Amino acid sequence: MLKNIKLRIIWLIPTIFMWLMFIGFSIWVFVNAEGLIQIEMLSSWVLKLLFLFIISLLGSYRMWSWIKEGKL
């Protein structure tokens, strides 16, 4: 049981980091959207945010499925 708790914590740290990074970059893009439009980089940042969201979502889903199956 203690092994599972340590394993969950090890997998939880990068998952939380990815979600915090997504939230932080989303706020940054929202605040700087006007400047990003002027230098024509808004679409690039939105695409990066989309990829970061997908990675965060898939990581969370994988962790949730492992917990549900009893592997974690």
N, C-alpha and C. Protein backbone atom coordinates (compact mmCIF):
# COMPACT_ATOMS: atom_id res chain seq x y z
N MET A 1 0.82 -1.20 0.00
CA MET A 1 0.00 0.00 0.00
C MET A 1 0.86 1.26 0.00
N LEU A 2 1.94 1.26 0.78
CA LEU A 2 2.82 2.42 0.85
C LEU A 2 3.51 2.65 -0.50
N LYS A 3 3.80 1.55 -1.21
CA LYS A 3 4.43 1.65 -2.52
C LYS A 3 3.50 2.39 -3.50
N ASN A 4 2.21 2.07 -3.43
CA ASN A 4 1.24 2.71 -4.32
C ASN A 4 1.13 4.20 -4.04
N ILE A 5 1.19 4.59 -2.78
CA ILE A 5 1.09 6.02 -2.42
C ILE A 5 2.30 6.78 -2.96
N LYS A 6 3.49 6.20 -2.80
CA LYS A 6 4.70 6.85 -3.33
C LYS A 6 4.64 6.95 -4.85
N LEU A 7 4.16 5.89 -5.50
CA LEU A 7 4.04 5.89 -6.95
C LEU A 7 3.03 6.93 -7.42
N ARG A 8 1.94 7.06 -6.71
CA ARG A 8 0.93 8.08 -7.05
C ARG A 8 1.52 9.48 -6.94
N ILE A 9 2.28 9.72 -5.89
CA ILE A 9 2.89 11.04 -5.70
C ILE A 9 3.88 11.33 -6.81
N ILE A 10 4.67 10.32 -7.18
CA ILE A 10 5.65 10.50 -8.26
C ILE A 10 4.96 10.85 -9.57
N TRP A 11 3.82 10.24 -9.87
CA TRP A 11 3.09 10.56 -11.10
C TRP A 11 2.26 11.83 -10.97
N LEU A 12 1.88 12.17 -9.76
CA LEU A 12 1.04 13.35 -9.55
C LEU A 12 1.82 14.65 -9.75
N ILE A 13 3.08 14.67 -9.36
CA ILE A 13 3.89 15.90 -9.46
C ILE A 13 3.98 16.42 -10.90
N PRO A 14 4.38 15.59 -11.90
CA PRO A 14 4.43 16.14 -13.26
C PRO A 14 3.05 16.49 -13.82
N THR A 15 2.03 15.76 -13.39
CA THR A 15 0.68 16.07 -13.87
C THR A 15 0.24 17.44 -13.37
N ILE A 16 0.48 17.71 -12.10
CA ILE A 16 0.13 19.02 -11.54
C ILE A 16 0.96 20.11 -12.21
N PHE A 17 2.25 19.84 -12.44
CA PHE A 17 3.11 20.81 -13.10
C PHE A 17 2.59 21.15 -14.50
N MET A 18 2.15 20.15 -15.25
CA MET A 18 1.63 20.39 -16.60
C MET A 18 0.36 21.26 -16.55
N TRP A 19 -0.53 20.98 -15.60
CA TRP A 19 -1.75 21.78 -15.49
C TRP A 19 -1.43 23.22 -15.08
N LEU A 20 -0.48 23.40 -14.15
CA LEU A 20 -0.09 24.75 -13.75
C LEU A 20 0.57 25.50 -14.90
N MET A 21 1.37 24.78 -15.69
CA MET A 21 2.00 25.40 -16.84
C MET A 21 0.94 25.82 -17.87
N PHE A 22 -0.06 24.98 -18.08
CA PHE A 22 -1.14 25.31 -19.00
C PHE A 22 -1.90 26.55 -18.53
N ILE A 23 -2.23 26.59 -17.26
CA ILE A 23 -2.96 27.74 -16.71
C ILE A 23 -2.10 29.01 -16.79
N GLY A 24 -0.83 28.90 -16.43
CA GLY A 24 0.06 30.06 -16.48
C GLY A 24 0.24 30.60 -17.88
N PHE A 25 0.49 29.72 -18.83
CA PHE A 25 0.65 30.17 -20.22
C PHE A 25 -0.66 30.72 -20.79
N SER A 26 -1.78 30.14 -20.38
CA SER A 26 -3.08 30.66 -20.85
C SER A 26 -3.29 32.09 -20.37
N ILE A 27 -2.96 32.34 -19.11
CA ILE A 27 -3.09 33.70 -18.57
C ILE A 27 -2.15 34.64 -19.31
N TRP A 28 -0.91 34.19 -19.54
CA TRP A 28 0.07 35.02 -20.23
C TRP A 28 -0.39 35.37 -21.65
N VAL A 29 -0.90 34.38 -22.36
CA VAL A 29 -1.38 34.62 -23.73
C VAL A 29 -2.58 35.56 -23.71
N PHE A 30 -3.49 35.38 -22.77
CA PHE A 30 -4.65 36.25 -22.68
C PHE A 30 -4.25 37.70 -22.39
N VAL A 31 -3.31 37.89 -21.47
CA VAL A 31 -2.86 39.23 -21.12
C VAL A 31 -2.11 39.89 -22.28
N ASN A 32 -1.34 39.12 -23.01
CA ASN A 32 -0.51 39.66 -24.09
C ASN A 32 -1.07 39.42 -25.48
N ALA A 33 -2.35 39.11 -25.58
CA ALA A 33 -2.94 38.77 -26.88
C ALA A 33 -2.81 39.90 -27.90
N GLU A 34 -2.99 41.13 -27.47
CA GLU A 34 -2.92 42.25 -28.40
C GLU A 34 -1.52 42.37 -29.01
N GLY A 35 -0.50 42.26 -28.18
CA GLY A 35 0.87 42.32 -28.68
C GLY A 35 1.21 41.14 -29.56
N LEU A 36 0.69 39.96 -29.22
CA LEU A 36 0.95 38.77 -30.03
C LEU A 36 0.28 38.88 -31.39
N ILE A 37 -0.86 39.55 -31.43
CA ILE A 37 -1.53 39.78 -32.72
C ILE A 37 -0.68 40.70 -33.59
N GLN A 38 -0.11 41.73 -32.98
CA GLN A 38 0.71 42.68 -33.73
C GLN A 38 1.95 42.03 -34.34
N ILE A 39 2.55 41.12 -33.62
CA ILE A 39 3.74 40.46 -34.17
C ILE A 39 3.40 39.12 -34.83
N GLU A 40 2.12 38.85 -35.00
CA GLU A 40 1.59 37.68 -35.69
C GLU A 40 2.07 36.36 -35.09
N MET A 41 2.03 36.28 -33.77
CA MET A 41 2.44 35.06 -33.07
C MET A 41 1.30 34.44 -32.25
N LEU A 42 0.11 35.04 -32.30
CA LEU A 42 -0.99 34.54 -31.48
C LEU A 42 -1.38 33.11 -31.89
N SER A 43 -1.46 32.84 -33.18
CA SER A 43 -1.86 31.50 -33.62
C SER A 43 -0.84 30.45 -33.17
N SER A 44 0.43 30.80 -33.18
CA SER A 44 1.47 29.88 -32.72
C SER A 44 1.29 29.56 -31.24
N TRP A 45 1.03 30.57 -30.42
CA TRP A 45 0.84 30.36 -28.98
C TRP A 45 -0.45 29.59 -28.69
N VAL A 46 -1.49 29.86 -29.45
CA VAL A 46 -2.74 29.12 -29.24
C VAL A 46 -2.53 27.64 -29.59
N LEU A 47 -1.78 27.36 -30.63
CA LEU A 47 -1.48 25.98 -31.00
C LEU A 47 -0.64 25.29 -29.91
N LYS A 48 0.33 26.01 -29.36
CA LYS A 48 1.13 25.46 -28.26
C LYS A 48 0.25 25.18 -27.04
N LEU A 49 -0.67 26.09 -26.75
CA LEU A 49 -1.60 25.88 -25.63
C LEU A 49 -2.49 24.66 -25.87
N LEU A 50 -2.92 24.48 -27.10
CA LEU A 50 -3.75 23.32 -27.43
C LEU A 50 -2.98 22.02 -27.20
N PHE A 51 -1.73 21.96 -27.65
CA PHE A 51 -0.91 20.77 -27.43
C PHE A 51 -0.68 20.54 -25.94
N LEU A 52 -0.40 21.59 -25.21
CA LEU A 52 -0.17 21.47 -23.77
C LEU A 52 -1.43 20.98 -23.06
N PHE A 53 -2.59 21.46 -23.48
CA PHE A 53 -3.86 21.00 -22.91
C PHE A 53 -4.08 19.52 -23.19
N ILE A 54 -3.83 19.09 -24.42
CA ILE A 54 -4.01 17.68 -24.77
C ILE A 54 -3.07 16.79 -23.97
N ILE A 55 -1.80 17.20 -23.83
CA ILE A 55 -0.84 16.43 -23.05
C ILE A 55 -1.27 16.35 -21.60
N SER A 56 -1.73 17.46 -21.02
CA SER A 56 -2.19 17.47 -19.64
C SER A 56 -3.40 16.57 -19.45
N LEU A 57 -4.32 16.65 -20.39
CA LEU A 57 -5.54 15.85 -20.31
C LEU A 57 -5.24 14.36 -20.43
N LEU A 58 -4.39 13.99 -21.38
CA LEU A 58 -4.05 12.58 -21.55
C LEU A 58 -3.28 12.04 -20.35
N GLY A 59 -2.39 12.84 -19.80
CA GLY A 59 -1.65 12.42 -18.60
C GLY A 59 -2.58 12.20 -17.42
N SER A 60 -3.53 13.09 -17.24
CA SER A 60 -4.49 12.95 -16.15
C SER A 60 -5.38 11.72 -16.36
N TYR A 61 -5.79 11.51 -17.60
CA TYR A 61 -6.64 10.35 -17.89
C TYR A 61 -5.89 9.05 -17.65
N ARG A 62 -4.61 9.00 -18.08
CA ARG A 62 -3.82 7.79 -17.88
C ARG A 62 -3.66 7.50 -16.39
N MET A 63 -3.36 8.52 -15.63
CA MET A 63 -3.19 8.33 -14.19
C MET A 63 -4.50 7.87 -13.54
N TRP A 64 -5.60 8.48 -13.94
CA TRP A 64 -6.92 8.10 -13.41
C TRP A 64 -7.24 6.64 -13.77
N SER A 65 -6.94 6.24 -15.01
CA SER A 65 -7.24 4.87 -15.42
C SER A 65 -6.37 3.86 -14.67
N TRP A 66 -5.10 4.20 -14.41
CA TRP A 66 -4.23 3.32 -13.63
C TRP A 66 -4.74 3.16 -12.21
N ILE A 67 -5.21 4.25 -11.62
CA ILE A 67 -5.75 4.18 -10.26
C ILE A 67 -7.01 3.30 -10.25
N LYS A 68 -7.85 3.48 -11.26
CA LYS A 68 -9.08 2.70 -11.35
C LYS A 68 -8.79 1.21 -11.54
N GLU A 69 -7.74 0.88 -12.30
CA GLU A 69 -7.37 -0.53 -12.53
C GLU A 69 -6.60 -1.13 -11.37
N GLY A 70 -6.15 -0.30 -10.44
CA GLY A 70 -5.41 -0.79 -9.30
C GLY A 70 -3.92 -0.91 -9.54
N LYS A 71 -3.43 -0.39 -10.66
CA LYS A 71 -2.00 -0.44 -10.97
C LYS A 71 -1.22 0.64 -10.23
N LEU A 72 -1.92 1.66 -9.79
CA LEU A 72 -1.25 2.78 -9.16
C LEU A 72 -1.86 3.07 -7.82
